[in-house]
Amino acid sequence: MIEAQGLTKRYGSKTAVDDVTFTVHPGRVTGFLGPNGAGKSTTMRMIAGLDHPSNGTVTVNGRRYAQHRAPLREVGALLDAQAVHTGRSAYNHLLAMGASHGIGKARVQEVIGMTGLEPVARKRVGGFSLGMGQRLGIASALLGDPNTLILDEPINGLDPEGVVWVRNLVRYLAGQGRTVFLSSHLMSEMALTADHIIVLGRGRILADAPVADIVGRAAGTTVRVCSPQATRLVELLCGPGITITSTTPQWLEVTGSTAQAIGEAAAAAQVVLHELTPATGSLEDAYMALTQDSVEYHSTAAGWDPDDPAAAGAPPQDLLGAGLPQSDPEGAIR
């Protein structure tokens, strides 16, 4: 379990993390979301003992990271997959890590197998692709067989097979009763992976709830209805608290009622329905709504109107980054 109480981190006059309190419970995957600069990485570094809080406390399994006698066996962290000796092989890197905690060759071989590193285990890390570097970082986090895992962007650079593997791995570990805390900018993947979400914005918590609750709040109570008798249906449904908008002659969007209530009203009046669909929100929609006032830098395409026929669906050249290398269809750089 990870527990933060009033956690604050200041760098001079800038407050990166501002009086944050949360608990990451065992037995589930907790996602950590927020815009760039929100304080996610700083928070994770404080959990792992790499940064000291300006105020407040954070503990893992009841103790500060530095108080654990064998921290590698308590907490496995992937915070920077590139922070390795590039001249070492993956095998030697893991062996050196394990030596300080009495972890031998058998466990090193085991995590190499778990992370799919066998083909490159004896090769120098400096020649690894980004994806292989991520796999090595995950292997390092798993090395001590810890009860708590902190993973910062674990799927960065992984191919689709690797992404699915990480998803299945963290859910398996959570199913064993371990604490799993991970960040990602890929909302679609987080929606498939996490049970619970903590959203950070400008150093403060914006949301701390199960994924379904966060998505449900964003979705609201809109129901889409298709009927050849839409006008009659509007007459039936009109009432206090109900808003109805018509997108086409047969399509309605109803807010303030439920699919069940609409269906029952239509059946009682013998109104034909071709479709009755409750609106389903997405984690991305919920995240964008939560963080819209917490994004430090907003992107704009000044001078480009995508609806202008003259634009032909393409932004002006200056938005493409004049002078930057571009790829041709064959993949060559020019």
Protein backbone atom coordinates (compact mmCIF):
# COMPACT_ATOMS: atom_id res chain seq x y z
CA MET A 1 0.00 0.00 0.00
CA ILE A 2 1.15 3.52 -0.81
CA GLU A 3 -0.08 6.33 1.44
CA ALA A 4 0.55 10.03 0.82
CA GLN A 5 -0.47 12.63 3.39
CA GLY A 6 -0.22 16.35 2.59
CA LEU A 7 2.59 15.58 0.16
CA THR A 8 4.19 18.78 -1.16
CA LYS A 9 7.27 19.47 -3.25
CA ARG A 10 8.63 22.92 -4.04
CA TYR A 11 11.49 23.90 -6.29
CA GLY A 12 12.28 27.46 -5.31
CA SER A 13 9.13 29.50 -5.87
CA LYS A 14 7.47 26.77 -7.96
CA THR A 15 5.20 24.23 -6.27
CA ALA A 16 5.33 21.00 -8.27
CA VAL A 17 3.16 18.93 -5.91
CA ASP A 18 0.68 20.77 -3.70
CA ASP A 19 -0.68 19.17 -0.51
CA VAL A 20 -1.57 15.84 -2.12
CA THR A 21 -3.27 13.09 -0.10
CA PHE A 22 -4.16 9.69 -1.54
CA THR A 23 -3.94 5.94 -0.94
CA VAL A 24 -3.00 3.31 -3.52
CA HIS A 25 -4.55 0.06 -2.34
CA PRO A 26 -3.27 -3.47 -2.96
CA GLY A 27 -5.16 -5.87 -5.19
CA ARG A 28 -5.95 -3.41 -7.95
CA VAL A 29 -4.26 -1.40 -10.68
CA THR A 30 -4.28 2.31 -9.92
CA GLY A 31 -3.67 4.62 -12.86
CA PHE A 32 -1.96 7.98 -12.37
CA LEU A 33 -2.97 10.57 -14.96
CA GLY A 34 -2.30 14.22 -15.61
CA PRO A 35 -0.95 16.66 -18.20
CA ASN A 36 2.76 17.22 -18.67
CA GLY A 37 4.06 19.20 -15.72
CA ALA A 38 1.21 18.11 -13.44
CA GLY A 39 3.62 16.62 -10.88
CA LYS A 40 3.19 12.90 -11.61
CA SER A 41 6.87 12.02 -12.01
CA THR A 42 7.82 14.16 -9.00
CA THR A 43 5.23 12.33 -6.90
CA MET A 44 6.55 8.96 -8.03
CA ARG A 45 10.12 10.02 -7.27
CA MET A 46 9.11 11.00 -3.74
CA ILE A 47 7.43 7.62 -3.25
CA ALA A 48 10.65 5.89 -4.35
CA GLY A 49 12.82 8.05 -2.08
CA LEU A 50 14.57 9.88 -4.92
CA ASP A 51 13.15 13.29 -3.99
CA HIS A 52 12.53 14.55 -0.46
CA PRO A 53 9.14 16.17 0.22
CA SER A 54 9.06 19.82 1.20
CA ASN A 55 6.10 18.96 3.42
CA GLY A 56 4.00 15.91 4.16
CA THR A 57 4.82 12.22 4.10
CA VAL A 58 4.59 9.25 1.79
CA THR A 59 5.01 5.63 2.86
CA VAL A 60 5.09 2.25 1.18
CA ASN A 61 3.74 -0.61 3.27
CA GLY A 62 3.82 1.63 6.34
CA ARG A 63 7.40 2.90 6.00
CA ARG A 64 9.25 5.56 4.08
CA TYR A 65 11.24 4.05 1.24
CA ALA A 66 14.58 4.73 2.97
CA GLN A 67 13.42 2.86 6.08
CA HIS A 68 13.05 -0.45 4.27
CA ARG A 69 15.99 -2.75 4.95
CA ALA A 70 15.69 -4.39 1.53
CA PRO A 71 13.81 -1.82 -0.59
CA LEU A 72 14.19 -3.76 -3.84
CA ARG A 73 12.15 -6.57 -2.28
CA GLU A 74 9.46 -4.12 -1.13
CA VAL A 75 9.17 -1.67 -4.03
CA GLY A 76 9.88 -2.20 -7.72
CA ALA A 77 10.11 1.03 -9.67
CA LEU A 78 10.42 1.94 -13.34
CA LEU A 79 10.96 5.70 -13.42
CA ASP A 80 13.56 6.13 -16.16
CA ALA A 81 14.25 3.15 -18.40
CA GLN A 82 17.29 4.92 -19.88
CA ALA A 83 19.07 5.21 -16.51
CA VAL A 84 21.33 2.20 -17.08
CA HIS A 85 25.02 1.65 -17.83
CA THR A 86 24.96 1.42 -21.62
CA GLY A 87 28.15 -0.63 -21.72
CA ARG A 88 26.66 -3.47 -19.68
CA SER A 89 24.55 -6.31 -20.96
CA ALA A 90 20.99 -6.67 -19.71
CA TYR A 91 22.04 -9.79 -17.82
CA ASN A 92 24.94 -8.06 -16.06
CA HIS A 93 22.81 -5.02 -15.25
CA LEU A 94 20.24 -7.19 -13.49
CA LEU A 95 22.94 -9.28 -11.82
CA ALA A 96 24.57 -6.14 -10.40
CA MET A 97 21.23 -4.86 -9.13
CA GLY A 98 20.44 -8.15 -7.46
CA ALA A 99 23.85 -8.50 -5.80
CA SER A 100 23.09 -5.75 -3.26
CA HIS A 101 19.99 -7.63 -2.10
CA GLY A 102 21.22 -11.20 -2.23
CA ILE A 103 19.28 -11.92 -5.42
CA GLY A 104 21.04 -14.56 -7.46
CA LYS A 105 21.31 -15.75 -11.04
CA ALA A 106 18.18 -17.89 -10.92
CA ARG A 107 15.91 -14.89 -10.31
CA VAL A 108 17.77 -12.85 -12.92
CA GLN A 109 17.14 -15.57 -15.49
CA GLU A 110 13.51 -15.76 -14.38
CA VAL A 111 12.76 -12.06 -14.95
CA ILE A 112 14.65 -12.13 -18.25
CA GLY A 113 12.28 -14.89 -19.34
CA MET A 114 9.22 -13.06 -18.01
CA THR A 115 10.04 -9.90 -19.96
CA GLY A 116 11.06 -11.54 -23.24
CA LEU A 117 14.68 -10.40 -23.07
CA GLU A 118 16.30 -13.78 -23.76
CA PRO A 119 17.42 -12.96 -27.33
CA VAL A 120 19.24 -9.79 -26.21
CA ALA A 121 20.16 -10.60 -22.60
CA ARG A 122 23.90 -10.80 -23.36
CA LYS A 123 23.96 -7.74 -25.59
CA ARG A 124 24.97 -4.25 -24.51
CA VAL A 125 22.10 -2.08 -23.37
CA GLY A 126 23.44 0.83 -25.43
CA GLY A 127 22.24 -0.91 -28.58
CA PHE A 128 18.71 -1.56 -27.32
CA SER A 129 15.61 -0.15 -28.97
CA LEU A 130 13.29 1.99 -26.85
CA GLY A 131 10.96 -0.96 -26.41
CA MET A 132 13.72 -3.31 -25.27
CA GLY A 133 14.91 -0.65 -22.85
CA GLN A 134 11.40 -0.53 -21.38
CA ARG A 135 11.37 -4.30 -20.99
CA LEU A 136 14.67 -4.12 -19.13
CA GLY A 137 13.25 -1.42 -16.86
CA ILE A 138 10.25 -3.63 -16.09
CA ALA A 139 12.57 -6.59 -15.45
CA SER A 140 14.50 -4.41 -12.98
CA ALA A 141 11.27 -3.47 -11.19
CA LEU A 142 10.27 -7.14 -10.91
CA LEU A 143 13.69 -8.38 -9.82
CA GLY A 144 13.07 -8.33 -6.06
CA ASP A 145 9.59 -9.88 -6.43
CA PRO A 146 8.14 -6.83 -4.61
CA ASN A 147 4.64 -6.36 -3.28
CA THR A 148 4.49 -2.81 -4.64
CA LEU A 149 5.19 -1.68 -8.20
CA ILE A 150 5.56 1.92 -9.39
CA LEU A 151 5.69 2.17 -13.18
CA ASP A 152 6.06 5.50 -14.97
CA GLU A 153 4.94 5.17 -18.61
CA PRO A 154 5.71 1.40 -18.79
CA ILE A 155 4.31 0.97 -22.32
CA ASN A 156 6.33 3.81 -23.83
CA GLY A 157 8.03 2.48 -26.98
CA LEU A 158 6.43 -0.96 -26.86
CA ASP A 159 4.82 -2.56 -29.91
CA PRO A 160 1.17 -3.74 -29.71
CA GLU A 161 2.19 -7.19 -28.47
CA GLY A 162 4.28 -5.57 -25.75
CA VAL A 163 1.43 -3.28 -24.72
CA VAL A 164 -0.91 -6.25 -24.29
CA TRP A 165 1.79 -8.09 -22.36
CA VAL A 166 2.20 -5.19 -19.89
CA ARG A 167 -1.57 -4.94 -19.49
CA ASN A 168 -1.88 -8.64 -18.69
CA LEU A 169 1.19 -8.55 -16.43
CA VAL A 170 0.04 -5.71 -14.20
CA ARG A 171 -3.47 -7.12 -13.92
CA TYR A 172 -2.00 -10.51 -12.99
CA LEU A 173 0.21 -8.90 -10.33
CA ALA A 174 -2.73 -6.94 -8.91
CA GLY A 175 -4.73 -10.17 -8.89
CA GLN A 176 -2.06 -11.62 -6.62
CA GLY A 177 -2.82 -8.88 -4.10
CA ARG A 178 0.07 -6.58 -5.00
CA THR A 179 -0.08 -2.79 -5.19
CA VAL A 180 0.31 -1.53 -8.77
CA PHE A 181 0.65 2.21 -9.46
CA LEU A 182 1.29 3.24 -13.05
CA SER A 183 1.14 6.33 -15.22
CA SER A 184 0.40 6.63 -18.92
CA HIS A 185 -0.72 9.19 -21.48
CA LEU A 186 -2.64 6.55 -23.46
CA MET A 187 -6.21 6.86 -22.22
CA SER A 188 -7.55 3.94 -24.24
CA GLU A 189 -4.98 1.61 -22.72
CA MET A 190 -5.47 2.95 -19.20
CA ALA A 191 -9.21 2.33 -19.56
CA LEU A 192 -8.46 -1.34 -20.28
CA THR A 193 -5.84 -1.71 -17.55
CA ALA A 194 -6.74 0.33 -14.47
CA ASP A 195 -9.39 -0.31 -11.83
CA HIS A 196 -8.96 3.04 -10.12
CA ILE A 197 -7.71 6.42 -11.34
CA ILE A 198 -5.99 9.36 -9.67
CA VAL A 199 -5.85 12.51 -11.83
CA LEU A 200 -3.36 15.24 -11.03
CA GLY A 201 -3.44 18.79 -12.41
CA ARG A 202 -1.04 21.60 -11.54
CA GLY A 203 0.16 19.56 -8.58
CA ARG A 204 -3.28 18.97 -7.08
CA ILE A 205 -5.66 16.00 -7.18
CA LEU A 206 -8.55 16.54 -9.58
CA ALA A 207 -10.11 13.08 -9.22
CA ASP A 208 -9.58 9.93 -7.16
CA ALA A 209 -12.19 7.29 -7.98
CA PRO A 210 -12.88 4.00 -9.78
CA VAL A 211 -12.60 4.19 -13.57
CA ALA A 212 -16.31 3.46 -14.04
CA ASP A 213 -17.30 6.34 -11.76
CA ILE A 214 -15.05 8.85 -13.53
CA VAL A 215 -16.28 7.78 -16.97
CA GLY A 216 -19.90 7.72 -15.80
CA ARG A 217 -19.75 11.32 -14.58
CA ALA A 218 -18.52 12.45 -17.99
CA ALA A 219 -21.13 10.44 -19.90
CA GLY A 220 -24.09 11.97 -18.08
CA THR A 221 -27.55 10.54 -18.79
CA THR A 222 -27.91 11.10 -22.52
CA VAL A 223 -29.82 8.46 -24.52
CA ARG A 224 -29.85 8.34 -28.34
CA VAL A 225 -33.16 7.26 -29.88
CA CYS A 226 -34.09 6.51 -33.49
CA SER A 227 -37.80 6.33 -34.35
CA PRO A 228 -39.95 6.96 -37.45
CA GLN A 229 -42.41 8.50 -34.97
CA ALA A 230 -39.93 10.89 -33.39
CA THR A 231 -42.42 13.76 -33.13
CA ARG A 232 -44.87 11.59 -31.19
CA LEU A 233 -42.05 10.37 -28.95
CA VAL A 234 -41.07 13.94 -28.10
CA GLU A 235 -44.64 14.62 -26.98
CA LEU A 236 -44.54 11.55 -24.73
CA LEU A 237 -41.19 12.32 -23.14
CA CYS A 238 -41.48 16.06 -22.52
CA GLY A 239 -41.42 16.81 -18.81
CA PRO A 240 -39.52 18.49 -15.97
CA GLY A 241 -35.77 17.89 -16.09
CA ILE A 242 -35.83 16.31 -19.56
CA THR A 243 -34.06 17.92 -22.51
CA ILE A 244 -34.60 16.63 -26.05
CA THR A 245 -32.62 17.66 -29.11
CA SER A 246 -33.20 16.45 -32.65
CA THR A 247 -30.15 15.69 -34.78
CA THR A 248 -32.14 14.43 -37.82
CA PRO A 249 -35.88 13.91 -38.40
CA GLN A 250 -35.72 10.43 -36.86
CA TRP A 251 -32.88 10.81 -34.34
CA LEU A 252 -33.27 12.27 -30.85
CA GLU A 253 -30.84 12.84 -27.99
CA VAL A 254 -32.62 12.72 -24.64
CA THR A 255 -31.03 14.00 -21.44
CA GLY A 256 -32.55 13.51 -18.00
CA SER A 257 -34.20 10.14 -18.61
CA THR A 258 -33.06 6.53 -18.97
CA ALA A 259 -33.19 4.03 -21.80
CA GLN A 260 -35.53 1.87 -19.72
CA ALA A 261 -38.00 4.71 -19.10
CA ILE A 262 -37.96 5.77 -22.76
CA GLY A 263 -38.49 2.20 -23.94
CA GLU A 264 -41.42 1.65 -21.57
CA ALA A 265 -43.07 4.94 -22.60
CA ALA A 266 -42.69 4.08 -26.29
CA ALA A 267 -44.09 0.57 -25.80
CA ALA A 268 -47.11 1.84 -23.88
CA ALA A 269 -47.92 4.29 -26.69
CA GLN A 270 -47.07 1.77 -29.43
CA VAL A 271 -44.33 4.02 -30.79
CA VAL A 272 -41.85 2.12 -32.94
CA LEU A 273 -38.18 2.38 -31.94
CA HIS A 274 -35.38 1.42 -34.32
CA GLU A 275 -32.61 2.14 -31.84
CA LEU A 276 -32.32 2.99 -28.14
CA THR A 277 -28.75 3.56 -26.97
CA PRO A 278 -27.50 5.01 -23.66
CA ALA A 279 -24.56 7.33 -24.28
CA THR A 280 -21.26 5.78 -23.30
CA GLY A 281 -18.49 8.11 -22.26
CA SER A 282 -14.80 7.34 -22.46
CA LEU A 283 -11.91 7.81 -20.08
CA GLU A 284 -10.42 10.22 -22.59
CA ASP A 285 -13.58 12.37 -22.53
CA ALA A 286 -13.57 12.37 -18.73
CA TYR A 287 -9.87 13.16 -18.56
CA MET A 288 -10.14 16.06 -21.01
CA ALA A 289 -13.05 17.53 -19.05
CA LEU A 290 -11.19 17.23 -15.75
CA THR A 291 -7.90 18.71 -16.97
CA GLN A 292 -9.09 21.40 -19.39
CA ASP A 293 -8.08 24.15 -16.95
CA SER A 294 -4.88 22.41 -15.83
CA VAL A 295 -3.00 22.13 -19.12
CA GLU A 296 0.07 24.35 -19.03
CA TYR A 297 0.46 24.63 -22.79
CA HIS A 298 -2.47 24.60 -25.22
CA SER A 299 -1.80 23.70 -28.86
CA THR A 300 -3.38 25.90 -31.52
CA ALA A 301 -3.21 25.77 -35.29
CA ALA A 302 -3.11 29.53 -35.84
CA GLY A 303 -4.00 30.54 -39.35
CA TRP A 304 -5.27 27.10 -40.36
CA ASP A 305 -8.94 26.38 -40.75
CA PRO A 306 -9.48 22.64 -41.38
CA ASP A 307 -12.93 23.43 -42.84
CA ASP A 308 -11.46 25.79 -45.44
CA PRO A 309 -11.43 24.00 -48.84
CA ALA A 310 -8.24 25.86 -49.67
CA ALA A 311 -6.52 24.08 -46.82
CA ALA A 312 -7.17 20.73 -48.53
CA GLY A 313 -7.10 18.99 -45.17
CA ALA A 314 -3.49 19.87 -44.45
CA PRO A 315 -2.02 22.39 -41.99
CA PRO A 316 0.27 25.10 -43.34
CA GLN A 317 3.92 24.29 -43.79
CA ASP A 318 5.02 26.22 -40.72
CA LEU A 319 2.94 23.88 -38.52
CA LEU A 320 4.77 20.89 -39.95
CA GLY A 321 8.02 22.27 -38.62
CA ALA A 322 10.02 23.88 -41.38
CA GLY A 323 13.50 22.49 -41.57
CA LEU A 324 12.69 19.33 -39.61
CA PRO A 325 13.54 15.99 -41.22
CA GLN A 326 10.54 14.34 -42.83
CA SER A 327 9.93 10.76 -43.92
CA ASP A 328 9.02 9.86 -47.49
CA PRO A 329 6.70 6.88 -48.21
CA GLU A 330 9.67 4.53 -48.30
CA GLY A 331 10.79 5.60 -44.84
CA ALA A 332 13.90 7.48 -45.96
CA ILE A 333 14.82 10.67 -44.17
CA ARG A 334 15.38 13.76 -46.26
